[in-house]
Protein backbone atom coordinates (compact mmCIF):
# COMPACT_ATOMS: atom_id res chain seq x y z
CA MET A 1 -12.19 21.02 -22.24
CA GLY A 2 -13.96 21.42 -19.44
CA ARG A 3 -13.63 24.14 -16.76
CA LYS A 4 -11.88 22.71 -13.63
CA LEU A 5 -13.98 21.66 -10.76
CA LEU A 6 -13.93 23.75 -7.06
CA ASN A 7 -13.32 21.70 -4.16
CA SER A 8 -16.84 21.70 -2.74
CA GLU A 9 -17.60 20.44 -5.93
CA LEU A 10 -15.69 16.96 -5.93
CA GLY A 11 -18.14 14.96 -3.15
CA ARG A 12 -15.19 14.29 -0.92
CA LEU A 13 -16.21 12.39 1.90
CA SER A 14 -15.82 13.33 5.69
CA VAL A 15 -13.59 11.16 7.51
CA GLU A 16 -16.16 9.81 9.55
CA GLN A 17 -17.97 9.03 6.15
CA PHE A 18 -15.01 7.44 5.04
CA HIS A 19 -14.69 5.20 7.85
CA SER A 20 -17.82 3.87 7.00
CA ALA A 21 -17.29 3.55 3.33
CA PRO A 22 -16.47 0.17 2.02
CA LYS A 23 -13.05 -0.25 1.01
CA ILE A 24 -10.97 -2.38 -1.20
CA PRO A 25 -9.81 -6.06 0.68
CA VAL A 26 -5.87 -4.13 0.21
CA VAL A 27 -3.97 -3.34 3.20
CA ILE A 28 -0.28 -1.67 2.85
CA VAL A 29 2.48 -2.69 4.88
CA LEU A 30 5.69 -0.46 5.03
CA ASP A 31 8.62 -2.00 6.12
CA ASN A 32 11.65 0.76 7.78
CA VAL A 33 10.41 3.17 5.23
CA ARG A 34 12.47 6.35 6.77
CA SER A 35 10.71 9.30 5.34
CA GLN A 36 7.79 11.04 6.92
CA PHE A 37 6.78 12.49 3.72
CA ASN A 38 6.76 8.96 2.15
CA ILE A 39 4.81 7.87 5.35
CA GLY A 40 2.55 10.69 4.48
CA ALA A 41 2.33 10.03 0.70
CA ALA A 42 1.16 6.56 1.73
CA PHE A 43 -1.61 7.33 3.95
CA ARG A 44 -2.57 10.33 1.04
CA THR A 45 -2.46 7.22 -2.02
CA SER A 46 -4.20 4.96 0.74
CA ASP A 47 -7.40 7.50 1.46
CA ALA A 48 -7.63 8.08 -2.59
CA PHE A 49 -7.73 4.58 -3.40
CA ALA A 50 -9.73 3.11 -0.08
CA ALA A 51 -7.17 0.59 1.04
CA GLN A 52 -8.41 -0.90 4.92
CA LYS A 53 -5.40 0.03 6.67
CA ILE A 54 -1.54 0.45 6.87
CA TYR A 55 0.93 -1.10 8.63
CA LEU A 56 3.50 1.02 9.97
CA CYS A 57 6.96 -1.20 10.81
CA GLY A 58 10.42 -0.78 12.30
CA ILE A 59 11.33 2.50 11.99
CA CYS A 60 8.49 3.86 10.47
CA ALA A 61 7.24 7.20 11.97
CA THR A 62 3.80 7.15 13.23
CA PRO A 63 1.13 10.18 13.37
CA PRO A 64 0.92 12.86 15.07
CA SER A 65 3.97 13.95 12.87
CA ALA A 66 4.15 17.06 10.95
CA GLU A 67 6.40 15.84 8.34
CA ILE A 68 3.60 13.09 7.78
CA HIS A 69 0.67 15.31 7.89
CA LYS A 70 2.46 17.90 5.39
CA SER A 71 1.55 15.54 2.97
CA ALA A 72 -0.87 12.99 4.22
CA LEU A 73 -2.99 16.32 4.13
CA GLY A 74 -5.03 14.93 6.78
CA ALA A 75 -5.73 10.79 5.49
CA GLU A 76 -3.40 9.98 8.52
CA PHE A 77 -6.94 10.89 10.54
CA SER A 78 -8.87 8.89 7.74
CA VAL A 79 -7.03 5.76 7.03
CA ASP A 80 -6.74 3.31 9.66
CA TRP A 81 -3.01 2.74 11.05
CA GLU A 82 -1.03 0.86 13.26
CA HIS A 83 2.73 0.55 13.90
CA SER A 84 4.75 -2.68 15.05
CA GLU A 85 8.53 -3.06 16.01
CA SER A 86 8.69 -6.15 13.68
CA THR A 87 7.24 -6.18 9.55
CA VAL A 88 7.66 -9.80 9.98
CA ASP A 89 5.40 -10.12 12.83
CA VAL A 90 2.92 -7.97 10.86
CA VAL A 91 3.18 -10.37 7.95
CA ARG A 92 2.99 -13.69 10.04
CA LYS A 93 -0.05 -12.17 11.34
CA LEU A 94 -1.61 -11.14 8.32
CA LYS A 95 -1.28 -14.28 6.82
CA GLU A 96 -2.97 -15.76 9.35
CA GLU A 97 -5.62 -13.76 9.02
CA GLY A 98 -6.04 -15.18 5.41
CA TYR A 99 -4.45 -12.28 3.38
CA THR A 100 -2.10 -12.95 0.58
CA VAL A 101 1.10 -11.04 1.38
CA ILE A 102 3.09 -9.79 -1.70
CA SER A 103 6.13 -7.88 -1.38
CA VAL A 104 6.68 -5.43 -4.04
CA GLU A 105 10.70 -5.45 -4.74
CA GLN A 106 13.22 -6.42 -7.61
CA ALA A 107 13.31 -10.61 -7.02
CA GLU A 108 14.04 -13.95 -8.90
CA GLU A 109 10.57 -15.59 -9.55
CA SER A 110 8.91 -11.93 -9.22
CA ILE A 111 5.22 -10.82 -11.36
CA ASN A 112 5.85 -8.42 -13.39
CA LEU A 113 3.09 -5.66 -12.67
CA LEU A 114 1.99 -5.85 -16.39
CA ASN A 115 0.82 -9.47 -15.84
CA LEU A 116 -0.70 -9.25 -12.83
CA LYS A 117 -3.51 -11.92 -12.81
CA LEU A 118 -6.13 -11.84 -9.87
CA PRO A 119 -6.86 -13.42 -7.84
CA LEU A 120 -3.43 -14.77 -7.16
CA ALA A 121 -4.61 -17.35 -4.59
CA ASP A 122 -7.51 -20.28 -5.37
CA SER A 123 -10.32 -17.91 -4.32
CA GLY A 124 -12.64 -18.85 -7.31
CA ASP A 125 -13.43 -16.27 -9.68
CA ASN A 126 -14.02 -13.42 -7.76
CA PRO A 127 -10.82 -11.11 -7.12
CA ALA A 128 -12.74 -9.25 -4.36
CA SER A 129 -13.05 -12.42 -2.13
CA GLU A 130 -9.04 -12.31 -1.81
CA LYS A 131 -7.59 -10.12 1.12
CA TYR A 132 -4.07 -8.77 -0.29
CA ALA A 133 -1.51 -7.32 2.13
CA LEU A 134 1.16 -5.13 -0.52
CA VAL A 135 4.55 -4.83 1.41
CA PHE A 136 6.55 -1.73 0.51
CA GLY A 137 9.91 -1.13 1.82
CA ASN A 138 12.63 0.79 2.98
CA GLU A 139 14.17 3.83 0.22
CA VAL A 140 17.36 2.76 0.15
CA HIS A 141 17.71 -1.73 1.04
CA GLY A 142 14.11 -2.21 -0.23
CA VAL A 143 12.10 -5.22 1.45
CA GLY A 144 13.46 -7.13 3.95
CA GLN A 145 14.54 -10.54 2.47
CA ASP A 146 13.07 -12.07 5.53
CA VAL A 147 10.12 -10.64 4.81
CA VAL A 148 10.68 -11.65 0.83
CA ASP A 149 11.01 -14.83 2.44
CA LEU A 150 7.56 -14.95 4.18
CA SER A 151 5.88 -13.54 1.20
CA ASP A 152 3.09 -15.92 -0.67
CA HIS A 153 4.70 -13.47 -3.93
CA VAL A 154 6.97 -10.99 -5.25
CA LEU A 155 5.57 -8.16 -7.29
CA GLU A 156 7.96 -6.52 -9.74
CA ILE A 157 7.31 -2.79 -11.52
CA PRO A 158 8.96 -3.13 -14.68
CA GLN A 159 11.37 -0.21 -15.61
CA HIS A 160 13.43 0.74 -18.46
CA GLY A 161 16.00 3.29 -17.04
CA THR A 162 19.03 3.66 -15.65
CA LYS A 163 18.47 3.70 -12.33
CA HIS A 164 15.95 0.31 -11.87
CA SER A 165 14.41 2.06 -8.71
CA ILE A 166 10.96 4.02 -7.75
CA ASN A 167 10.39 6.33 -4.76
CA VAL A 168 8.57 4.10 -2.14
CA SER A 169 5.69 6.67 -2.56
CA VAL A 170 5.43 6.56 -5.85
CA SER A 171 5.09 2.68 -6.31
CA ILE A 172 2.53 2.51 -3.50
CA GLY A 173 0.64 4.74 -6.19
CA ILE A 174 1.11 2.40 -9.21
CA VAL A 175 -0.03 -0.62 -7.04
CA LEU A 176 -2.16 0.37 -5.31
CA TRP A 177 -4.09 1.92 -8.16
CA GLU A 178 -3.88 -1.58 -9.85
CA PHE A 179 -5.61 -3.23 -7.18
CA PHE A 180 -7.77 -0.90 -6.94
CA ARG A 181 -9.02 -0.73 -10.69
CA ARG A 182 -9.08 -4.59 -10.52
CA LEU A 183 -10.95 -5.05 -7.16
CA LEU A 184 -13.24 -2.37 -7.35
């Protein structure tokens, strides 16, 4: 067992350093996420795994917000973000920019996270040459069907309990970690 590290020993980047540091080719799209604590957690996880940006869509609250800040712990200042009234508009824009759009949802013909192979599109042998937009949905209704219909793929987290539901902030952590470790 080792000694627990002090915060001063962690080599954390400043906000300015984070902005100029390399990022994985992934953006997060939140489709009508209600809880500001879940939004804050999305910022914090996106900071930890060097996502490029977060799109807050529909009813998503935006910084500045005490509730977002409480769970983001300041990551709302390091991770770039943008708000849009329409998730569909954001998805269309990202597709035009060359992103492969992946909704994280339980759906017919979804890809089980355990079977995920990158790249998903024909981008050669280098998975980092493809850009991904990961869409996460509302705490009750999930990703809207109109967004699922526009997605290039649907990714499902395998579950074996009685609820078949994982908190959206936890889902972001699970999926973003998989992309981070594969694209780093």
